[in-house]
Amino acid sequence: MGTIFETSINHDDSKFTLHKYKNLANMPHFHEDYEVVFVEEGKAKISINGNSFSIAENQAIFINSSEINGIISLLGDEGEVAF
């Protein structure tokens, strides 16, 4: 997994973190925060609570807090996933 960049944005009492990856693959995990995954280019396979979804370029998916999820970039080094 190659991290392209990571930044945090504070707005009032809320903190937003933006990550951008190339060739992303991670194991199932969960967060206390909400997560929005956007595919800038390529395709990704996302697992949420045991259900699999494929999303492609310019598509996004919302992951609720505490949902078990994992993400795999399907096009190797060519796919960029931002969340």
PDB file of N, CA and C in Angstrom:
ATOM      1  N   MET A   1       0.846  -1.156   0.000  1.00  0.00           N
ATOM      2  CA  MET A   1       0.000   0.000   0.000  1.00  0.00           C
ATOM      3  C   MET A   1       0.894   1.223   0.000  1.00  0.00           C
ATOM      4  N   GLY A   2       0.687   2.096  -0.949  1.00  0.00           N
ATOM      5  CA  GLY A   2       1.485   3.305  -1.017  1.00  0.00           C
ATOM      6  C   GLY A   2       0.663   4.526  -0.670  1.00  0.00           C
ATOM      7  N   THR A   3       0.999   5.179   0.420  1.00  0.00           N
ATOM      8  CA  THR A   3       0.289   6.387   0.800  1.00  0.00           C
ATOM      9  C   THR A   3       0.790   7.538  -0.059  1.00  0.00           C
ATOM     10  N   ILE A   4      -0.126   8.230  -0.713  1.00  0.00           N
ATOM     11  CA  ILE A   4       0.230   9.385  -1.515  1.00  0.00           C
ATOM     12  C   ILE A   4       0.272  10.618  -0.614  1.00  0.00           C
ATOM     13  N   PHE A   5      -0.771  10.809   0.198  1.00  0.00           N
ATOM     14  CA  PHE A   5      -0.733  11.854   1.203  1.00  0.00           C
ATOM     15  C   PHE A   5      -1.780  11.599   2.278  1.00  0.00           C
ATOM     16  N   GLU A   6      -1.607  12.297   3.378  1.00  0.00           N
ATOM     17  CA  GLU A   6      -2.557  12.236   4.483  1.00  0.00           C
ATOM     18  C   GLU A   6      -2.588  13.618   5.107  1.00  0.00           C
ATOM     19  N   THR A   7      -3.794  14.125   5.377  1.00  0.00           N
ATOM     20  CA  THR A   7      -3.921  15.441   5.996  1.00  0.00           C
ATOM     21  C   THR A   7      -5.134  15.446   6.919  1.00  0.00           C
ATOM     22  N   SER A   8      -5.100  16.257   7.935  1.00  0.00           N
ATOM     23  CA  SER A   8      -6.226  16.410   8.861  1.00  0.00           C
ATOM     24  C   SER A   8      -6.752  17.827   8.761  1.00  0.00           C
ATOM     25  N   ILE A   9      -8.084  17.960   8.786  1.00  0.00           N
ATOM     26  CA  ILE A   9      -8.736  19.253   8.700  1.00  0.00           C
ATOM     27  C   ILE A   9      -9.638  19.400   9.919  1.00  0.00           C
ATOM     28  N   ASN A  10      -9.470  20.445  10.676  1.00  0.00           N
ATOM     29  CA  ASN A  10     -10.326  20.711  11.826  1.00  0.00           C
ATOM     30  C   ASN A  10     -11.374  21.751  11.445  1.00  0.00           C
ATOM     31  N   HIS A  11     -12.624  21.449  11.755  1.00  0.00           N
ATOM     32  CA  HIS A  11     -13.726  22.373  11.497  1.00  0.00           C
ATOM     33  C   HIS A  11     -14.594  22.405  12.737  1.00  0.00           C
ATOM     34  N   ASP A  12     -14.642  23.541  13.417  1.00  0.00           N
ATOM     35  CA  ASP A  12     -15.347  23.666  14.691  1.00  0.00           C
ATOM     36  C   ASP A  12     -14.831  22.591  15.644  1.00  0.00           C
ATOM     37  N   ASP A  13     -15.711  21.741  16.155  1.00  0.00           N
ATOM     38  CA  ASP A  13     -15.303  20.685  17.083  1.00  0.00           C
ATOM     39  C   ASP A  13     -15.031  19.363  16.376  1.00  0.00           C
ATOM     40  N   SER A  14     -15.160  19.343  15.059  1.00  0.00           N
ATOM     41  CA  SER A  14     -14.998  18.101  14.310  1.00  0.00           C
ATOM     42  C   SER A  14     -13.633  18.052  13.632  1.00  0.00           C
ATOM     43  N   LYS A  15     -13.129  16.852  13.487  1.00  0.00           N
ATOM     44  CA  LYS A  15     -11.861  16.639  12.788  1.00  0.00           C
ATOM     45  C   LYS A  15     -12.126  15.715  11.607  1.00  0.00           C
ATOM     46  N   PHE A  16     -11.667  16.115  10.445  1.00  0.00           N
ATOM     47  CA  PHE A  16     -11.785  15.309   9.246  1.00  0.00           C
ATOM     48  C   PHE A  16     -10.379  14.925   8.807  1.00  0.00           C
ATOM     49  N   THR A  17     -10.196  13.682   8.461  1.00  0.00           N
ATOM     50  CA  THR A  17      -8.903  13.226   7.977  1.00  0.00           C
ATOM     51  C   THR A  17      -9.068  12.720   6.556  1.00  0.00           C
ATOM     52  N   LEU A  18      -8.212  13.156   5.666  1.00  0.00           N
ATOM     53  CA  LEU A  18      -8.242  12.721   4.274  1.00  0.00           C
ATOM     54  C   LEU A  18      -6.991  11.911   3.996  1.00  0.00           C
ATOM     55  N   HIS A  19      -7.180  10.722   3.450  1.00  0.00           N
ATOM     56  CA  HIS A  19      -6.075   9.851   3.062  1.00  0.00           C
ATOM     57  C   HIS A  19      -6.214   9.583   1.566  1.00  0.00           C
ATOM     58  N   LYS A  20      -5.114   9.453   0.893  1.00  0.00           N
ATOM     59  CA  LYS A  20      -5.131   9.066  -0.517  1.00  0.00           C
ATOM     60  C   LYS A  20      -4.094   7.977  -0.699  1.00  0.00           C
ATOM     61  N   TYR A  21      -4.506   6.857  -1.288  1.00  0.00           N
ATOM     62  CA  TYR A  21      -3.637   5.693  -1.436  1.00  0.00           C
ATOM     63  C   TYR A  21      -3.574   5.235  -2.879  1.00  0.00           C
ATOM     64  N   LYS A  22      -2.494   4.577  -3.212  1.00  0.00           N
ATOM     65  CA  LYS A  22      -2.329   3.862  -4.468  1.00  0.00           C
ATOM     66  C   LYS A  22      -2.081   2.405  -4.101  1.00  0.00           C
ATOM     67  N   ASN A  23      -2.727   1.490  -4.819  1.00  0.00           N
ATOM     68  CA  ASN A  23      -2.550   0.055  -4.580  1.00  0.00           C
ATOM     69  C   ASN A  23      -2.920  -0.310  -3.139  1.00  0.00           C
ATOM     70  N   LEU A  24      -4.114   0.058  -2.741  1.00  0.00           N
ATOM     71  CA  LEU A  24      -4.581  -0.155  -1.372  1.00  0.00           C
ATOM     72  C   LEU A  24      -5.084  -1.578  -1.168  1.00  0.00           C
ATOM     73  N   ALA A  25      -4.696  -2.177  -0.067  1.00  0.00           N
ATOM     74  CA  ALA A  25      -5.229  -3.475   0.360  1.00  0.00           C
ATOM     75  C   ALA A  25      -5.130  -3.513   1.875  1.00  0.00           C
ATOM     76  N   ASN A  26      -6.264  -3.629   2.542  1.00  0.00           N
ATOM     77  CA  ASN A  26      -6.202  -3.727   4.000  1.00  0.00           C
ATOM     78  C   ASN A  26      -7.132  -4.814   4.515  1.00  0.00           C
ATOM     79  N   MET A  27      -6.846  -5.290   5.687  1.00  0.00           N
ATOM     80  CA  MET A  27      -7.615  -6.351   6.326  1.00  0.00           C
ATOM     81  C   MET A  27      -8.896  -5.769   6.913  1.00  0.00           C
ATOM     82  N   PRO A  28      -9.922  -6.609   7.121  1.00  0.00           N
ATOM     83  CA  PRO A  28     -11.143  -6.116   7.758  1.00  0.00           C
ATOM     84  C   PRO A  28     -10.837  -5.465   9.104  1.00  0.00           C
ATOM     85  N   HIS A  29     -11.473  -4.328   9.331  1.00  0.00           N
ATOM     86  CA  HIS A  29     -11.259  -3.536  10.530  1.00  0.00           C
ATOM     87  C   HIS A  29     -12.489  -2.653  10.739  1.00  0.00           C
ATOM     88  N   PHE A  30     -12.518  -1.874  11.795  1.00  0.00           N
ATOM     89  CA  PHE A  30     -13.601  -0.917  11.982  1.00  0.00           C
ATOM     90  C   PHE A  30     -13.061   0.351  12.615  1.00  0.00           C
ATOM     91  N   HIS A  31     -13.869   1.416  12.510  1.00  0.00           N
ATOM     92  CA  HIS A  31     -13.531   2.714  13.079  1.00  0.00           C
ATOM     93  C   HIS A  31     -14.709   3.207  13.899  1.00  0.00           C
ATOM     94  N   GLU A  32     -14.454   4.075  14.838  1.00  0.00           N
ATOM     95  CA  GLU A  32     -15.542   4.739  15.552  1.00  0.00           C
ATOM     96  C   GLU A  32     -16.104   5.891  14.723  1.00  0.00           C
ATOM     97  N   ASP A  33     -15.369   6.310  13.698  1.00  0.00           N
ATOM     98  CA  ASP A  33     -15.789   7.413  12.837  1.00  0.00           C
ATOM     99  C   ASP A  33     -16.498   6.892  11.589  1.00  0.00           C
ATOM    100  N   TYR A  34     -17.209   7.793  10.914  1.00  0.00           N
ATOM    101  CA  TYR A  34     -17.771   7.487   9.611  1.00  0.00           C
ATOM    102  C   TYR A  34     -16.641   7.496   8.584  1.00  0.00           C
ATOM    103  N   GLU A  35     -16.869   6.806   7.462  1.00  0.00           N
ATOM    104  CA  GLU A  35     -15.856   6.777   6.416  1.00  0.00           C
ATOM    105  C   GLU A  35     -16.536   6.879   5.062  1.00  0.00           C
ATOM    106  N   VAL A  36     -16.006   7.713   4.194  1.00  0.00           N
ATOM    107  CA  VAL A  36     -16.475   7.813   2.813  1.00  0.00           C
ATOM    108  C   VAL A  36     -15.295   7.430   1.935  1.00  0.00           C
ATOM    109  N   VAL A  37     -15.501   6.457   1.057  1.00  0.00           N
ATOM    110  CA  VAL A  37     -14.453   6.011   0.144  1.00  0.00           C
ATOM    111  C   VAL A  37     -14.823   6.490  -1.251  1.00  0.00           C
ATOM    112  N   PHE A  38     -13.901   7.177  -1.909  1.00  0.00           N
ATOM    113  CA  PHE A  38     -14.087   7.684  -3.268  1.00  0.00           C
ATOM    114  C   PHE A  38     -12.960   7.146  -4.134  1.00  0.00           C
ATOM    115  N   VAL A  39     -13.304   6.572  -5.288  1.00  0.00           N
ATOM    116  CA  VAL A  39     -12.298   6.051  -6.218  1.00  0.00           C
ATOM    117  C   VAL A  39     -12.065   7.102  -7.297  1.00  0.00           C
ATOM    118  N   GLU A  40     -10.857   7.666  -7.308  1.00  0.00           N
ATOM    119  CA  GLU A  40     -10.512   8.668  -8.315  1.00  0.00           C
ATOM    120  C   GLU A  40     -10.269   8.039  -9.678  1.00  0.00           C
ATOM    121  N   GLU A  41      -9.605   6.895  -9.677  1.00  0.00           N
ATOM    122  CA  GLU A  41      -9.372   6.174 -10.928  1.00  0.00           C
ATOM    123  C   GLU A  41      -9.216   4.700 -10.608  1.00  0.00           C
ATOM    124  N   GLY A  42      -9.557   3.860 -11.571  1.00  0.00           N
ATOM    125  CA  GLY A  42      -9.470   2.418 -11.364  1.00  0.00           C
ATOM    126  C   GLY A  42     -10.730   1.870 -10.710  1.00  0.00           C
ATOM    127  N   LYS A  43     -10.571   0.771  -9.976  1.00  0.00           N
ATOM    128  CA  LYS A  43     -11.684   0.087  -9.319  1.00  0.00           C
ATOM    129  C   LYS A  43     -11.228  -0.405  -7.956  1.00  0.00           C
ATOM    130  N   ALA A  44     -12.192  -0.613  -7.060  1.00  0.00           N
ATOM    131  CA  ALA A  44     -11.885  -1.153  -5.741  1.00  0.00           C
ATOM    132  C   ALA A  44     -12.998  -2.107  -5.325  1.00  0.00           C
ATOM    133  N   LYS A  45     -12.633  -3.107  -4.547  1.00  0.00           N
ATOM    134  CA  LYS A  45     -13.589  -4.027  -3.948  1.00  0.00           C
ATOM    135  C   LYS A  45     -13.652  -3.685  -2.459  1.00  0.00           C
ATOM    136  N   ILE A  46     -14.846  -3.460  -1.964  1.00  0.00           N
ATOM    137  CA  ILE A  46     -15.031  -3.083  -0.566  1.00  0.00           C
ATOM    138  C   ILE A  46     -15.937  -4.104   0.100  1.00  0.00           C
ATOM    139  N   SER A  47     -15.528  -4.542   1.265  1.00  0.00           N
ATOM    140  CA  SER A  47     -16.323  -5.463   2.071  1.00  0.00           C
ATOM    141  C   SER A  47     -16.834  -4.690   3.285  1.00  0.00           C
ATOM    142  N   ILE A  48     -18.158  -4.736   3.500  1.00  0.00           N
ATOM    143  CA  ILE A  48     -18.764  -4.088   4.660  1.00  0.00           C
ATOM    144  C   ILE A  48     -19.651  -5.110   5.350  1.00  0.00           C
ATOM    145  N   ASN A  49     -19.292  -5.458   6.579  1.00  0.00           N
ATOM    146  CA  ASN A  49     -20.047  -6.447   7.360  1.00  0.00           C
ATOM    147  C   ASN A  49     -20.297  -7.737   6.579  1.00  0.00           C
ATOM    148  N   GLY A  50     -19.298  -8.181   5.822  1.00  0.00           N
ATOM    149  CA  GLY A  50     -19.388  -9.443   5.092  1.00  0.00           C
ATOM    150  C   GLY A  50     -20.020  -9.347   3.717  1.00  0.00           C
ATOM    151  N   ASN A  51     -20.523  -8.176   3.332  1.00  0.00           N
ATOM    152  CA  ASN A  51     -21.095  -7.966   2.002  1.00  0.00           C
ATOM    153  C   ASN A  51     -20.073  -7.259   1.123  1.00  0.00           C
ATOM    154  N   SER A  52     -19.874  -7.753  -0.105  1.00  0.00           N
ATOM    155  CA  SER A  52     -18.875  -7.176  -1.005  1.00  0.00           C
ATOM    156  C   SER A  52     -19.518  -6.268  -2.040  1.00  0.00           C
ATOM    157  N   PHE A  53     -18.834  -5.171  -2.326  1.00  0.00           N
ATOM    158  CA  PHE A  53     -19.278  -4.204  -3.322  1.00  0.00           C
ATOM    159  C   PHE A  53     -18.090  -3.836  -4.190  1.00  0.00           C
ATOM    160  N   SER A  54     -18.343  -3.583  -5.465  1.00  0.00           N
ATOM    161  CA  SER A  54     -17.305  -3.072  -6.353  1.00  0.00           C
ATOM    162  C   SER A  54     -17.664  -1.636  -6.692  1.00  0.00           C
ATOM    163  N   ILE A  55     -16.689  -0.749  -6.583  1.00  0.00           N
ATOM    164  CA  ILE A  55     -16.915   0.626  -6.997  1.00  0.00           C
ATOM    165  C   ILE A  55     -15.823   1.001  -7.980  1.00  0.00           C
ATOM    166  N   ALA A  56     -16.173   1.884  -8.898  1.00  0.00           N
ATOM    167  CA  ALA A  56     -15.253   2.260  -9.973  1.00  0.00           C
ATOM    168  C   ALA A  56     -15.012   3.767  -9.947  1.00  0.00           C
ATOM    169  N   GLU A  57     -14.220   4.199 -10.909  1.00  0.00           N
ATOM    170  CA  GLU A  57     -13.834   5.595 -11.027  1.00  0.00           C
ATOM    171  C   GLU A  57     -15.017   6.539 -10.854  1.00  0.00           C
ATOM    172  N   ASN A  58     -14.830   7.560 -10.030  1.00  0.00           N
ATOM    173  CA  ASN A  58     -15.821   8.601  -9.741  1.00  0.00           C
ATOM    174  C   ASN A  58     -17.039   8.097  -8.971  1.00  0.00           C
ATOM    175  N   GLN A  59     -16.929   6.961  -8.314  1.00  0.00           N
ATOM    176  CA  GLN A  59     -17.989   6.460  -7.444  1.00  0.00           C
ATOM    177  C   GLN A  59     -17.507   6.512  -6.002  1.00  0.00           C
ATOM    178  N   ALA A  60     -18.482   6.577  -5.093  1.00  0.00           N
ATOM    179  CA  ALA A  60     -18.166   6.644  -3.668  1.00  0.00           C
ATOM    180  C   ALA A  60     -19.094   5.718  -2.901  1.00  0.00           C
ATOM    181  N   ILE A  61     -18.688   5.367  -1.686  1.00  0.00           N
ATOM    182  CA  ILE A  61     -19.514   4.550  -0.812  1.00  0.00           C
ATOM    183  C   ILE A  61     -19.328   5.064   0.620  1.00  0.00           C
ATOM    184  N   PHE A  62     -20.410   5.065   1.393  1.00  0.00           N
ATOM    185  CA  PHE A  62     -20.402   5.519   2.778  1.00  0.00           C
ATOM    186  C   PHE A  62     -20.332   4.304   3.696  1.00  0.00           C
ATOM    187  N   ILE A  63     -19.447   4.357   4.684  1.00  0.00           N
ATOM    188  CA  ILE A  63     -19.316   3.276   5.664  1.00  0.00           C
ATOM    189  C   ILE A  63     -19.638   3.861   7.033  1.00  0.00           C
ATOM    190  N   ASN A  64     -20.655   3.323   7.679  1.00  0.00           N
ATOM    191  CA  ASN A  64     -21.090   3.819   8.973  1.00  0.00           C
ATOM    192  C   ASN A  64     -20.064   3.474  10.054  1.00  0.00           C
ATOM    193  N   SER A  65     -20.123   4.156  11.172  1.00  0.00           N
ATOM    194  CA  SER A  65     -19.197   3.872  12.264  1.00  0.00           C
ATOM    195  C   SER A  65     -19.412   2.457  12.786  1.00  0.00           C
ATOM    196  N   SER A  66     -18.347   1.836  13.209  1.00  0.00           N
ATOM    197  CA  SER A  66     -18.328   0.491  13.794  1.00  0.00           C
ATOM    198  C   SER A  66     -18.682  -0.636  12.828  1.00  0.00           C
ATOM    199  N   GLU A  67     -18.800  -0.353  11.528  1.00  0.00           N
ATOM    200  CA  GLU A  67     -19.024  -1.422  10.559  1.00  0.00           C
ATOM    201  C   GLU A  67     -17.673  -2.020  10.161  1.00  0.00           C
ATOM    202  N   ILE A  68     -17.598  -3.331  10.130  1.00  0.00           N
ATOM    203  CA  ILE A  68     -16.361  -4.012   9.755  1.00  0.00           C
ATOM    204  C   ILE A  68     -16.190  -3.881   8.245  1.00  0.00           C
ATOM    205  N   ASN A  69     -15.032  -3.338   7.819  1.00  0.00           N
ATOM    206  CA  ASN A  69     -14.821  -3.100   6.393  1.00  0.00           C
ATOM    207  C   ASN A  69     -13.379  -3.362   5.997  1.00  0.00           C
ATOM    208  N   GLY A  70     -13.195  -3.641   4.728  1.00  0.00           N
ATOM    209  CA  GLY A  70     -11.876  -3.822   4.134  1.00  0.00           C
ATOM    210  C   GLY A  70     -11.921  -3.338   2.700  1.00  0.00           C
ATOM    211  N   ILE A  71     -10.792  -2.887   2.179  1.00  0.00           N
ATOM    212  CA  ILE A  71     -10.733  -2.318   0.830  1.00  0.00           C
ATOM    213  C   ILE A  71      -9.551  -2.931   0.080  1.00  0.00           C
ATOM    214  N   ILE A  72      -9.795  -3.297  -1.192  1.00  0.00           N
ATOM    215  CA  ILE A  72      -8.730  -3.799  -2.053  1.00  0.00           C
ATOM    216  C   ILE A  72      -8.815  -3.073  -3.385  1.00  0.00           C
ATOM    217  N   SER A  73      -7.709  -2.455  -3.800  1.00  0.00           N
ATOM    218  CA  SER A  73      -7.624  -1.833  -5.112  1.00  0.00           C
ATOM    219  C   SER A  73      -7.518  -2.945  -6.157  1.00  0.00           C
ATOM    220  N   LEU A  74      -8.360  -2.920  -7.182  1.00  0.00           N
ATOM    221  CA  LEU A  74      -8.400  -4.015  -8.147  1.00  0.00           C
ATOM    222  C   LEU A  74      -7.457  -3.855  -9.324  1.00  0.00           C
ATOM    223  N   LEU A  75      -6.883  -2.679  -9.502  1.00  0.00           N
ATOM    224  CA  LEU A  75      -6.023  -2.474 -10.665  1.00  0.00           C
ATOM    225  C   LEU A  75      -4.578  -2.233 -10.291  1.00  0.00           C
ATOM    226  N   GLY A  76      -4.150  -2.788  -9.170  1.00  0.00           N
ATOM    227  CA  GLY A  76      -2.753  -2.662  -8.771  1.00  0.00           C
ATOM    228  C   GLY A  76      -2.335  -1.224  -8.578  1.00  0.00           C
ATOM    229  N   ASP A  77      -1.185  -0.869  -9.091  1.00  0.00           N
ATOM    230  CA  ASP A  77      -0.630   0.464  -8.881  1.00  0.00           C
ATOM    231  C   ASP A  77      -1.391   1.566  -9.594  1.00  0.00           C
ATOM    232  N   GLU A  78      -2.275   1.225 -10.518  1.00  0.00           N
ATOM    233  CA  GLU A  78      -2.958   2.250 -11.286  1.00  0.00           C
ATOM    234  C   GLU A  78      -4.140   2.871 -10.544  1.00  0.00           C
ATOM    235  N   GLY A  79      -4.715   2.178  -9.576  1.00  0.00           N
ATOM    236  CA  GLY A  79      -5.905   2.680  -8.898  1.00  0.00           C
ATOM    237  C   GLY A  79      -5.579   3.572  -7.726  1.00  0.00           C
ATOM    238  N   GLU A  80      -6.277   4.708  -7.616  1.00  0.00           N
ATOM    239  CA  GLU A  80      -6.124   5.600  -6.495  1.00  0.00           C
ATOM    240  C   GLU A  80      -7.421   5.662  -5.728  1.00  0.00           C
ATOM    241  N   VAL A  81      -7.359   5.470  -4.423  1.00  0.00           N
ATOM    242  CA  VAL A  81      -8.530   5.488  -3.570  1.00  0.00           C
ATOM    243  C   VAL A  81      -8.337   6.589  -2.540  1.00  0.00           C
ATOM    244  N   ALA A  82      -9.320   7.462  -2.411  1.00  0.00           N
ATOM    245  CA  ALA A  82      -9.252   8.534  -1.411  1.00  0.00           C
ATOM    246  C   ALA A  82     -10.357   8.328  -0.398  1.00  0.00           C
ATOM    247  N   PHE A  83     -10.009   8.522   0.895  1.00  0.00           N
ATOM    248  CA  PHE A  83     -11.052   8.505   1.936  1.00  0.00           C
ATOM    249  C   PHE A  83     -10.605   9.302   3.120  1.00  0.00           C
TER     250      PHE A  83
END
